[in-house]
């Protein structure tokens, strides 16, 4: 286990309860951008076998199970796995490294990374594992930070908080506070650094989505809504084995 993986594991174990409470309360980026987009993209999974990689507290795991999928979920954090098991008793959950997926080849119809792959500096090993455990014609879906803002920072321009690009090409370890005392570290990537490993793992990319926030968030979250309708927060990659 590398240094950053251990840091991430220890961080999520320590702050599991507070982090989960913030998710359940409804974080803007998760509630109004990522989850609505995933619900539109991942459909027709009743009776399918789905793997949730980096499942966190089981938010997506729960959704997939509610749609009739047989769900397996892995996470590096023991506490996250406990919370996922509590939330989704029907799911098979395991503590595991994303680079060593503990399932046989050809086991799944869908492998999903929900805001988890950015914790890895090199994403090719886990994508090769995803390719291995997918059935032929199986589907890969990755939701992660959009390269358009990975090298950007928020600044005040005429009284508004806006993104300004600083270093698109430079690989960086981004740090930010998820909940009080929880300083998350993840790796930023440009378009090539994100897309090429998917192809190099053997996948055929079928669609790219850059979701905007749900219109229902505009009144309550005016500033965040405006900011995220002019600069994309996430990118969702769909690919096929």
Foldseek 3Di string as FASTA:
>chain_A
DDPLLVVVQVLCQVCLVVLVVVVVVPDQCVNFWQVVVVVVVDDDQADFEEEEEQCFLPPVVLVSVVRHHAYEYEHQHPSSQVNNCVSCVRHHYDYDDLLCDPDAFQAGQEYEYEQNQQSDPQNLSSLLVVNRNHHAFGKYKYKHFALQQLQWDWDADPNATATDGDPSCDKDFDWDDSDVPRIRTGIHHHPCSPPVSNVVSPWAWDDKDQTATDPVCCVVCVRVNVRCVVTGGMMMIMITD
